Amino acid sequence: MTTTTASRALPLAAALLTGTVALYMALVAFGNITDFGTNQAFVQHVLAMDTTFEDEDLMWRAVTSEGLQNAAYVAIIAWETVSALVLITGTWSWFRRDHARARRVSTLGLLMVMLLFGVGFIGIGGEWFAMWQSDTWNGLDAATRIFLLSGVVLIVTHLTPERGGATGRP
């Protein structure tokens, strides 16, 4: 593959992969908004720790206030929605060949996704609220998949050659 071919292929790959994560996040946010109750139950059970081993040394961490559970769920939906919009903007910038802006915006959106799934679901949900102990309400596999996918896309966005402006010319 020549340098010219690679310099065209990598931005296209970055655009398509960023768009893939954008679509996923948009569908997740849309699903959580239009079918609020399904994942609301997930968040409530994880925070309540009611399907874990219920070890008395850990149960003090449980959040049983429905108001706090719902506030956490709404915050998650808001974060998903904003990250989807940022990633859509990044995807649009890749297709406009504004690579510098696309890289910045895509990086922000991908880091938002990685923070949600890495810190939020894997770290806080998985460890702090012992989600790993639940056979019923365990989202660690899905969170890990999205975290890793977003990380790979982040790497690809930073492999693209530096180019300036909307024309894509150096």
N, C-alpha and C. Protein backbone atom coordinates (compact mmCIF):
# COMPACT_ATOMS: atom_id res chain seq x y z
N MET A 1 0.85 -1.17 0.00
CA MET A 1 0.00 0.00 0.00
C MET A 1 0.90 1.23 0.00
N THR A 2 0.63 2.14 -0.90
CA THR A 2 1.45 3.34 -0.98
C THR A 2 1.06 4.31 0.12
N THR A 3 1.93 5.29 0.33
CA THR A 3 1.66 6.29 1.36
C THR A 3 0.37 7.04 1.05
N THR A 4 0.14 7.33 -0.22
CA THR A 4 -1.07 8.04 -0.61
C THR A 4 -2.31 7.20 -0.33
N THR A 5 -2.26 5.92 -0.66
CA THR A 5 -3.39 5.04 -0.40
C THR A 5 -3.66 4.93 1.09
N ALA A 6 -2.57 4.76 1.87
CA ALA A 6 -2.72 4.68 3.33
C ALA A 6 -3.27 5.98 3.89
N SER A 7 -2.82 7.11 3.33
CA SER A 7 -3.28 8.39 3.85
C SER A 7 -4.76 8.62 3.56
N ARG A 8 -5.30 7.89 2.58
CA ARG A 8 -6.74 7.98 2.30
C ARG A 8 -7.53 6.92 3.07
N ALA A 9 -6.92 5.75 3.22
CA ALA A 9 -7.63 4.63 3.84
C ALA A 9 -7.80 4.83 5.34
N LEU A 10 -6.79 5.34 6.02
CA LEU A 10 -6.89 5.50 7.47
C LEU A 10 -7.96 6.50 7.89
N PRO A 11 -8.06 7.67 7.24
CA PRO A 11 -9.17 8.57 7.61
C PRO A 11 -10.54 7.95 7.33
N LEU A 12 -10.64 7.18 6.26
CA LEU A 12 -11.92 6.51 5.97
C LEU A 12 -12.21 5.48 7.06
N ALA A 13 -11.20 4.72 7.45
CA ALA A 13 -11.38 3.75 8.54
C ALA A 13 -11.78 4.46 9.82
N ALA A 14 -11.12 5.57 10.12
CA ALA A 14 -11.45 6.34 11.33
C ALA A 14 -12.89 6.84 11.27
N ALA A 15 -13.30 7.32 10.09
CA ALA A 15 -14.66 7.83 9.93
C ALA A 15 -15.68 6.72 10.13
N LEU A 16 -15.46 5.58 9.49
CA LEU A 16 -16.41 4.48 9.58
C LEU A 16 -16.46 3.89 10.99
N LEU A 17 -15.31 3.75 11.63
CA LEU A 17 -15.29 3.20 12.98
C LEU A 17 -15.87 4.18 14.00
N THR A 18 -15.55 5.46 13.84
CA THR A 18 -16.15 6.47 14.73
C THR A 18 -17.67 6.48 14.53
N GLY A 19 -18.09 6.38 13.28
CA GLY A 19 -19.52 6.32 12.98
C GLY A 19 -20.19 5.09 13.58
N THR A 20 -19.46 3.98 13.61
CA THR A 20 -20.00 2.76 14.22
C THR A 20 -20.28 2.97 15.70
N VAL A 21 -19.32 3.55 16.41
CA VAL A 21 -19.52 3.80 17.84
C VAL A 21 -20.59 4.87 18.04
N ALA A 22 -20.63 5.87 17.15
CA ALA A 22 -21.67 6.91 17.23
C ALA A 22 -23.05 6.28 17.08
N LEU A 23 -23.20 5.40 16.10
CA LEU A 23 -24.48 4.74 15.89
C LEU A 23 -24.86 3.90 17.11
N TYR A 24 -23.91 3.14 17.61
CA TYR A 24 -24.18 2.32 18.80
C TYR A 24 -24.66 3.20 19.96
N MET A 25 -23.94 4.27 20.24
CA MET A 25 -24.30 5.13 21.38
C MET A 25 -25.65 5.81 21.14
N ALA A 26 -25.92 6.21 19.90
CA ALA A 26 -27.21 6.83 19.60
C ALA A 26 -28.35 5.83 19.81
N LEU A 27 -28.13 4.59 19.39
CA LEU A 27 -29.17 3.57 19.58
C LEU A 27 -29.36 3.23 21.06
N VAL A 28 -28.27 3.19 21.81
CA VAL A 28 -28.36 2.93 23.25
C VAL A 28 -29.15 4.06 23.93
N ALA A 29 -28.77 5.30 23.63
CA ALA A 29 -29.47 6.44 24.23
C ALA A 29 -30.94 6.44 23.83
N PHE A 30 -31.21 6.22 22.54
CA PHE A 30 -32.59 6.19 22.05
C PHE A 30 -33.39 5.09 22.75
N GLY A 31 -32.80 3.92 22.87
CA GLY A 31 -33.47 2.81 23.55
C GLY A 31 -33.75 3.12 25.00
N ASN A 32 -32.80 3.74 25.67
CA ASN A 32 -33.00 4.06 27.08
C ASN A 32 -34.04 5.16 27.28
N ILE A 33 -34.16 6.04 26.31
CA ILE A 33 -35.17 7.10 26.40
C ILE A 33 -36.56 6.56 26.08
N THR A 34 -36.66 5.76 25.02
CA THR A 34 -37.97 5.28 24.58
C THR A 34 -38.46 4.06 25.34
N ASP A 35 -37.54 3.31 25.94
CA ASP A 35 -37.90 2.15 26.77
C ASP A 35 -37.22 2.33 28.12
N PHE A 36 -37.60 3.40 28.79
CA PHE A 36 -36.93 3.85 30.02
C PHE A 36 -36.84 2.76 31.08
N GLY A 37 -37.88 1.98 31.23
CA GLY A 37 -37.97 1.04 32.34
C GLY A 37 -37.03 -0.15 32.28
N THR A 38 -36.66 -0.59 31.08
CA THR A 38 -35.85 -1.81 30.97
C THR A 38 -34.50 -1.64 31.64
N ASN A 39 -33.73 -0.66 31.20
CA ASN A 39 -32.41 -0.47 31.81
C ASN A 39 -32.48 0.28 33.14
N GLN A 40 -33.60 0.92 33.41
CA GLN A 40 -33.80 1.52 34.73
C GLN A 40 -33.74 0.42 35.78
N ALA A 41 -34.38 -0.70 35.50
CA ALA A 41 -34.34 -1.84 36.44
C ALA A 41 -32.92 -2.34 36.61
N PHE A 42 -32.16 -2.39 35.53
CA PHE A 42 -30.76 -2.81 35.60
C PHE A 42 -29.98 -1.91 36.56
N VAL A 43 -30.08 -0.61 36.36
CA VAL A 43 -29.35 0.35 37.20
C VAL A 43 -29.82 0.24 38.65
N GLN A 44 -31.11 0.13 38.86
CA GLN A 44 -31.63 0.02 40.22
C GLN A 44 -31.09 -1.22 40.93
N HIS A 45 -31.09 -2.36 40.27
CA HIS A 45 -30.59 -3.59 40.90
C HIS A 45 -29.09 -3.55 41.15
N VAL A 46 -28.34 -2.99 40.21
CA VAL A 46 -26.88 -2.89 40.41
C VAL A 46 -26.60 -1.99 41.61
N LEU A 47 -27.24 -0.83 41.66
CA LEU A 47 -26.98 0.11 42.76
C LEU A 47 -27.49 -0.44 44.09
N ALA A 48 -28.60 -1.15 44.07
CA ALA A 48 -29.16 -1.72 45.31
C ALA A 48 -28.36 -2.94 45.78
N MET A 49 -27.59 -3.54 44.87
CA MET A 49 -26.77 -4.71 45.18
C MET A 49 -27.64 -5.87 45.71
N ASP A 50 -28.87 -5.94 45.23
CA ASP A 50 -29.81 -6.92 45.77
C ASP A 50 -29.70 -8.31 45.13
N THR A 51 -28.84 -8.46 44.14
CA THR A 51 -28.62 -9.78 43.56
C THR A 51 -27.15 -10.19 43.67
N THR A 52 -26.43 -9.53 44.59
CA THR A 52 -25.04 -9.91 44.86
C THR A 52 -25.02 -10.91 46.01
N PHE A 53 -23.84 -11.24 46.46
CA PHE A 53 -23.70 -12.19 47.57
C PHE A 53 -24.22 -11.60 48.88
N GLU A 54 -24.50 -10.30 48.89
CA GLU A 54 -25.02 -9.57 50.04
C GLU A 54 -24.13 -9.73 51.28
N ASP A 55 -22.84 -9.65 51.03
CA ASP A 55 -21.85 -9.69 52.10
C ASP A 55 -22.00 -8.42 52.95
N GLU A 56 -22.16 -8.59 54.24
CA GLU A 56 -22.40 -7.43 55.12
C GLU A 56 -21.24 -6.45 55.10
N ASP A 57 -20.05 -6.90 54.73
CA ASP A 57 -18.91 -5.98 54.63
C ASP A 57 -19.01 -5.08 53.39
N LEU A 58 -19.84 -5.43 52.42
CA LEU A 58 -20.00 -4.65 51.20
C LEU A 58 -21.34 -3.93 51.11
N MET A 59 -22.34 -4.42 51.77
CA MET A 59 -23.70 -3.92 51.58
C MET A 59 -23.89 -2.46 52.00
N TRP A 60 -22.97 -1.92 52.78
CA TRP A 60 -23.09 -0.50 53.14
C TRP A 60 -22.95 0.39 51.90
N ARG A 61 -22.40 -0.16 50.83
CA ARG A 61 -22.23 0.60 49.59
C ARG A 61 -23.54 0.73 48.81
N ALA A 62 -24.50 -0.10 49.08
CA ALA A 62 -25.74 -0.14 48.30
C ALA A 62 -26.47 1.20 48.35
N VAL A 63 -27.00 1.57 47.19
CA VAL A 63 -27.83 2.77 47.08
C VAL A 63 -29.26 2.29 46.87
N THR A 64 -30.08 2.44 47.90
CA THR A 64 -31.45 1.94 47.83
C THR A 64 -32.49 3.03 47.59
N SER A 65 -32.05 4.28 47.60
CA SER A 65 -32.97 5.38 47.33
C SER A 65 -33.36 5.38 45.86
N GLU A 66 -34.65 5.22 45.59
CA GLU A 66 -35.13 5.20 44.21
C GLU A 66 -34.83 6.52 43.50
N GLY A 67 -34.89 7.62 44.24
CA GLY A 67 -34.57 8.92 43.66
C GLY A 67 -33.12 9.00 43.20
N LEU A 68 -32.20 8.52 44.02
CA LEU A 68 -30.78 8.52 43.63
C LEU A 68 -30.52 7.54 42.49
N GLN A 69 -31.19 6.40 42.52
CA GLN A 69 -31.05 5.42 41.43
C GLN A 69 -31.51 6.03 40.11
N ASN A 70 -32.66 6.68 40.14
CA ASN A 70 -33.19 7.29 38.93
C ASN A 70 -32.33 8.46 38.46
N ALA A 71 -31.79 9.23 39.39
CA ALA A 71 -30.89 10.33 39.03
C ALA A 71 -29.64 9.78 38.34
N ALA A 72 -29.11 8.68 38.84
CA ALA A 72 -27.94 8.06 38.22
C ALA A 72 -28.29 7.59 36.81
N TYR A 73 -29.46 7.00 36.64
CA TYR A 73 -29.87 6.50 35.34
C TYR A 73 -30.06 7.63 34.34
N VAL A 74 -30.67 8.72 34.77
CA VAL A 74 -30.86 9.88 33.89
C VAL A 74 -29.49 10.47 33.52
N ALA A 75 -28.57 10.51 34.47
CA ALA A 75 -27.22 11.01 34.17
C ALA A 75 -26.52 10.12 33.14
N ILE A 76 -26.71 8.82 33.25
CA ILE A 76 -26.13 7.89 32.27
C ILE A 76 -26.71 8.16 30.89
N ILE A 77 -28.03 8.32 30.81
CA ILE A 77 -28.68 8.58 29.52
C ILE A 77 -28.18 9.90 28.93
N ALA A 78 -28.06 10.92 29.76
CA ALA A 78 -27.56 12.21 29.28
C ALA A 78 -26.13 12.06 28.74
N TRP A 79 -25.29 11.33 29.46
CA TRP A 79 -23.89 11.11 29.04
C TRP A 79 -23.87 10.33 27.70
N GLU A 80 -24.72 9.32 27.58
CA GLU A 80 -24.80 8.55 26.33
C GLU A 80 -25.22 9.44 25.17
N THR A 81 -26.20 10.29 25.41
CA THR A 81 -26.73 11.17 24.37
C THR A 81 -25.67 12.16 23.92
N VAL A 82 -25.00 12.79 24.87
CA VAL A 82 -23.97 13.77 24.52
C VAL A 82 -22.81 13.08 23.80
N SER A 83 -22.40 11.92 24.28
CA SER A 83 -21.29 11.23 23.61
C SER A 83 -21.68 10.84 22.18
N ALA A 84 -22.92 10.41 21.97
CA ALA A 84 -23.39 10.08 20.62
C ALA A 84 -23.33 11.32 19.73
N LEU A 85 -23.78 12.46 20.22
CA LEU A 85 -23.76 13.69 19.43
C LEU A 85 -22.33 14.12 19.11
N VAL A 86 -21.43 14.00 20.08
CA VAL A 86 -20.02 14.34 19.84
C VAL A 86 -19.44 13.41 18.78
N LEU A 87 -19.72 12.11 18.87
CA LEU A 87 -19.19 11.16 17.90
C LEU A 87 -19.80 11.36 16.51
N ILE A 88 -21.05 11.74 16.44
CA ILE A 88 -21.66 12.07 15.14
C ILE A 88 -20.94 13.26 14.53
N THR A 89 -20.64 14.26 15.34
CA THR A 89 -19.90 15.43 14.87
C THR A 89 -18.50 15.02 14.40
N GLY A 90 -17.85 14.14 15.15
CA GLY A 90 -16.54 13.64 14.74
C GLY A 90 -16.60 12.90 13.42
N THR A 91 -17.62 12.05 13.27
CA THR A 91 -17.80 11.30 12.02
C THR A 91 -18.00 12.26 10.85
N TRP A 92 -18.84 13.25 11.05
CA TRP A 92 -19.10 14.26 10.02
C TRP A 92 -17.80 14.97 9.65
N SER A 93 -16.99 15.29 10.63
CA SER A 93 -15.72 15.98 10.36
C SER A 93 -14.76 15.09 9.57
N TRP A 94 -14.75 13.78 9.86
CA TRP A 94 -13.91 12.87 9.07
C TRP A 94 -14.35 12.89 7.61
N PHE A 95 -15.65 12.83 7.37
CA PHE A 95 -16.13 12.81 5.99
C PHE A 95 -15.93 14.14 5.28
N ARG A 96 -15.85 15.21 6.03
CA ARG A 96 -15.56 16.53 5.45
C ARG A 96 -14.07 16.72 5.23
N ARG A 97 -13.28 15.75 5.65
CA ARG A 97 -11.82 15.76 5.53
C ARG A 97 -11.16 16.85 6.38
N ASP A 98 -11.85 17.24 7.42
CA ASP A 98 -11.27 18.16 8.40
C ASP A 98 -10.64 17.29 9.48
N HIS A 99 -9.50 16.71 9.16
CA HIS A 99 -8.90 15.66 9.99
C HIS A 99 -8.49 16.15 11.37
N ALA A 100 -7.97 17.35 11.47
CA ALA A 100 -7.55 17.85 12.78
C ALA A 100 -8.76 17.96 13.71
N ARG A 101 -9.83 18.55 13.22
CA ARG A 101 -11.05 18.67 14.03
C ARG A 101 -11.66 17.30 14.30
N ALA A 102 -11.68 16.45 13.28
CA ALA A 102 -12.25 15.11 13.43
C ALA A 102 -11.51 14.34 14.52
N ARG A 103 -10.20 14.43 14.52
CA ARG A 103 -9.41 13.71 15.53
C ARG A 103 -9.73 14.24 16.93
N ARG A 104 -9.78 15.56 17.09
CA ARG A 104 -10.07 16.16 18.40
C ARG A 104 -11.46 15.76 18.90
N VAL A 105 -12.45 15.93 18.04
CA VAL A 105 -13.84 15.66 18.44
C VAL A 105 -14.05 14.17 18.67
N SER A 106 -13.52 13.35 17.77
CA SER A 106 -13.67 11.90 17.93
C SER A 106 -12.99 11.43 19.21
N THR A 107 -11.82 11.98 19.48
CA THR A 107 -11.11 11.61 20.72
C THR A 107 -11.96 11.94 21.94
N LEU A 108 -12.55 13.12 21.96
CA LEU A 108 -13.41 13.50 23.07
C LEU A 108 -14.58 12.53 23.21
N GLY A 109 -15.27 12.24 22.11
CA GLY A 109 -16.42 11.34 22.17
C GLY A 109 -16.03 9.93 22.58
N LEU A 110 -14.93 9.43 22.04
CA LEU A 110 -14.48 8.07 22.39
C LEU A 110 -14.06 8.00 23.85
N LEU A 111 -13.40 9.03 24.34
CA LEU A 111 -13.04 9.04 25.76
C LEU A 111 -14.28 9.11 26.64
N MET A 112 -15.30 9.82 26.19
CA MET A 112 -16.56 9.85 26.95
C MET A 112 -17.15 8.45 27.05
N VAL A 113 -17.13 7.71 25.94
CA VAL A 113 -17.66 6.34 25.94
C VAL A 113 -16.80 5.46 26.85
N MET A 114 -15.48 5.60 26.73
CA MET A 114 -14.59 4.77 27.55
C MET A 114 -14.73 5.08 29.03
N LEU A 115 -14.96 6.34 29.37
CA LEU A 115 -15.19 6.70 30.78
C LEU A 115 -16.50 6.10 31.28
N LEU A 116 -17.55 6.19 30.46
CA LEU A 116 -18.84 5.63 30.87
C LEU A 116 -18.73 4.13 31.12
N PHE A 117 -18.17 3.43 30.15
CA PHE A 117 -18.11 1.97 30.27
C PHE A 117 -16.97 1.49 31.15
N GLY A 118 -15.83 2.19 31.13
CA GLY A 118 -14.69 1.78 31.94
C GLY A 118 -14.84 2.17 33.40
N VAL A 119 -15.03 3.46 33.63
CA VAL A 119 -15.16 3.94 35.01
C VAL A 119 -16.55 3.62 35.56
N GLY A 120 -17.58 3.95 34.76
CA GLY A 120 -18.95 3.80 35.24
C GLY A 120 -19.39 2.36 35.44
N PHE A 121 -19.31 1.58 34.36
CA PHE A 121 -19.85 0.22 34.44
C PHE A 121 -18.85 -0.80 34.95
N ILE A 122 -17.60 -0.76 34.45
CA ILE A 122 -16.62 -1.76 34.89
C ILE A 122 -16.11 -1.43 36.29
N GLY A 123 -15.68 -0.18 36.50
CA GLY A 123 -15.11 0.19 37.79
C GLY A 123 -16.15 0.33 38.89
N ILE A 124 -17.06 1.29 38.71
CA ILE A 124 -18.02 1.59 39.78
C ILE A 124 -19.08 0.48 39.88
N GLY A 125 -19.73 0.17 38.75
CA GLY A 125 -20.76 -0.88 38.79
C GLY A 125 -20.18 -2.25 39.10
N GLY A 126 -19.11 -2.59 38.38
CA GLY A 126 -18.54 -3.92 38.52
C GLY A 126 -17.87 -4.18 39.84
N GLU A 127 -17.08 -3.23 40.30
CA GLU A 127 -16.32 -3.44 41.54
C GLU A 127 -16.97 -2.81 42.76
N TRP A 128 -17.27 -1.52 42.69
CA TRP A 128 -17.81 -0.86 43.87
C TRP A 128 -19.16 -1.45 44.27
N PHE A 129 -20.03 -1.66 43.28
CA PHE A 129 -21.34 -2.22 43.57
C PHE A 129 -21.40 -3.73 43.32
N ALA A 130 -20.25 -4.35 43.15
CA ALA A 130 -20.10 -5.81 43.05
C ALA A 130 -21.02 -6.44 42.01
N MET A 131 -21.18 -5.76 40.88
CA MET A 131 -22.02 -6.29 39.81
C MET A 131 -21.52 -7.65 39.33
N TRP A 132 -20.23 -7.89 39.45
CA TRP A 132 -19.66 -9.17 39.02
C TRP A 132 -20.24 -10.35 39.78
N GLN A 133 -20.81 -10.09 40.96
CA GLN A 133 -21.39 -11.16 41.76
C GLN A 133 -22.80 -11.56 41.31
N SER A 134 -23.41 -10.76 40.47
CA SER A 134 -24.81 -11.01 40.09
C SER A 134 -24.90 -11.87 38.84
N ASP A 135 -25.69 -12.92 38.92
CA ASP A 135 -25.96 -13.74 37.74
C ASP A 135 -27.01 -13.06 36.85
N THR A 136 -27.84 -12.23 37.44
CA THR A 136 -28.95 -11.62 36.72
C THR A 136 -28.62 -10.26 36.13
N TRP A 137 -27.97 -9.40 36.91
CA TRP A 137 -27.74 -8.00 36.52
C TRP A 137 -26.25 -7.73 36.39
N ASN A 138 -25.59 -8.45 35.50
CA ASN A 138 -24.16 -8.32 35.30
C ASN A 138 -23.90 -7.84 33.87
N GLY A 139 -23.49 -6.60 33.73
CA GLY A 139 -23.24 -6.04 32.41
C GLY A 139 -21.76 -5.90 32.08
N LEU A 140 -20.92 -6.63 32.81
CA LEU A 140 -19.47 -6.46 32.61
C LEU A 140 -18.99 -6.91 31.24
N ASP A 141 -19.52 -7.99 30.70
CA ASP A 141 -19.08 -8.44 29.38
C ASP A 141 -19.40 -7.40 28.31
N ALA A 142 -20.61 -6.88 28.33
CA ALA A 142 -21.01 -5.87 27.34
C ALA A 142 -20.19 -4.59 27.52
N ALA A 143 -19.98 -4.18 28.76
CA ALA A 143 -19.20 -2.97 29.01
C ALA A 143 -17.77 -3.13 28.54
N THR A 144 -17.20 -4.30 28.77
CA THR A 144 -15.83 -4.56 28.33
C THR A 144 -15.73 -4.52 26.81
N ARG A 145 -16.70 -5.10 26.12
CA ARG A 145 -16.70 -5.08 24.65
C ARG A 145 -16.70 -3.65 24.12
N ILE A 146 -17.58 -2.82 24.66
CA ILE A 146 -17.69 -1.45 24.16
C ILE A 146 -16.45 -0.64 24.55
N PHE A 147 -15.93 -0.87 25.74
CA PHE A 147 -14.71 -0.19 26.16
C PHE A 147 -13.56 -0.52 25.20
N LEU A 148 -13.39 -1.80 24.89
CA LEU A 148 -12.30 -2.22 24.00
C LEU A 148 -12.52 -1.73 22.57
N LEU A 149 -13.74 -1.82 22.07
CA LEU A 149 -14.04 -1.31 20.74
C LEU A 149 -13.68 0.17 20.65
N SER A 150 -14.10 0.94 21.63
CA SER A 150 -13.82 2.38 21.63
C SER A 150 -12.32 2.64 21.70
N GLY A 151 -11.60 1.83 22.45
CA GLY A 151 -10.15 1.98 22.53
C GLY A 151 -9.47 1.72 21.20
N VAL A 152 -9.92 0.69 20.49
CA VAL A 152 -9.36 0.39 19.17
C VAL A 152 -9.66 1.55 18.21
N VAL A 153 -10.87 2.06 18.23
CA VAL A 153 -11.24 3.18 17.36
C VAL A 153 -10.40 4.40 17.72
N LEU A 154 -10.17 4.63 19.00
CA LEU A 154 -9.32 5.75 19.42
C LEU A 154 -7.91 5.62 18.85
N ILE A 155 -7.37 4.43 18.87
CA ILE A 155 -6.04 4.20 18.29
C ILE A 155 -6.05 4.49 16.79
N VAL A 156 -7.06 4.00 16.09
CA VAL A 156 -7.15 4.24 14.65
C VAL A 156 -7.24 5.72 14.35
N THR A 157 -7.99 6.47 15.13
CA THR A 157 -8.11 7.91 14.87
C THR A 157 -6.77 8.62 15.02
N HIS A 158 -5.89 8.05 15.83
CA HIS A 158 -4.58 8.68 16.02
C HIS A 158 -3.50 8.11 15.10
N LEU A 159 -3.84 7.12 14.29
CA LEU A 159 -2.93 6.62 13.27
C LEU A 159 -3.04 7.42 11.98
N THR A 160 -4.14 8.17 11.85
CA THR A 160 -4.37 8.91 10.61
C THR A 160 -3.33 10.01 10.47
N PRO A 161 -2.89 10.26 9.25
CA PRO A 161 -1.89 11.30 9.03
C PRO A 161 -2.46 12.68 9.34
N GLU A 162 -1.59 13.55 9.80
CA GLU A 162 -2.01 14.92 10.08
C GLU A 162 -2.29 15.63 8.76
N ARG A 163 -3.43 16.26 8.69
CA ARG A 163 -3.79 17.04 7.50
C ARG A 163 -4.55 18.25 7.99
N GLY A 164 -4.47 19.29 7.28
CA GLY A 164 -5.12 20.52 7.72
C GLY A 164 -6.36 20.85 6.94
N GLY A 165 -7.21 21.64 7.56
CA GLY A 165 -8.36 22.24 6.91
C GLY A 165 -9.41 21.29 6.39
N ALA A 166 -10.49 21.86 5.90
CA ALA A 166 -11.60 21.07 5.38
C ALA A 166 -11.28 20.44 4.03
N THR A 167 -10.26 20.90 3.35
CA THR A 167 -9.91 20.34 2.05
C THR A 167 -9.10 19.08 2.19
N GLY A 168 -8.51 18.86 3.35
CA GLY A 168 -7.70 17.68 3.56
C GLY A 168 -6.29 17.83 3.03
N ARG A 169 -5.93 19.03 2.58
CA ARG A 169 -4.58 19.25 2.05
C ARG A 169 -3.65 19.67 3.17
N PRO A 170 -2.37 19.28 3.05
CA PRO A 170 -1.39 19.67 4.09
C PRO A 170 -1.21 21.16 4.20
